Amino acid sequence: MRIADEMAAGGVDVDVINAASSDATGELCIDNYEQLVFGASMHAGGIEKEMAAYINRHQGKIETKTRSFFLVLLSAATTDPILRRKWLADAREKVAGQLRVSFNNVEMIAGALMYSKYSLPKKWLMKNIAEKAGEDTDITRDYEYTDWDQVRRYARKLMRN
């Protein structure tokens, strides 16, 4: 939503549609848009299945548009440059493996680590990932890693397209 809010503040007409909402995606006419911006989060090595299915189902129309993709993932928060490069490259490969559409513009954005919203097994999985990344491991708290300046820069870049 922050990307859409930033673009709207810059005078761009923006529609935000949840790929998991079959009503919204069923009525969506891609031809009505000049630019498409897709966003997803990565969990357990992949993006949301609804997003991947939507993009793959509409590959032909999407490929005729200016398009961008942003990925929210904890790996983008690590401060270890070698580990960060490795993890983000791995994430790019996984996304490319899920999607039949290529995106020239892909932005990797650190998100929040919301232990309070995870099941116990997922808390432990995320704690292990966070520990490898040198991030916070207290599962009784939530953590915000988003670089909001990066989000604003990305939105402005999209407005120039």
Foldseek 3Di string as FASTA:
>chain_A
DLLQVLLVVVVDDDDDDDLVDCVRLVPDDLVVDQEEEEEFEDDPLATDPSSLVSCQVCVVSNQVHQYEYEYEYQLCQFPPVVSSVVVVVSSVVSHVVSHPHDHPHYHYWYFKAQLVPDDPVRLVVVLVVCVVSVHDRPSVDIGGRTPVVSSSVVSVVVSVD
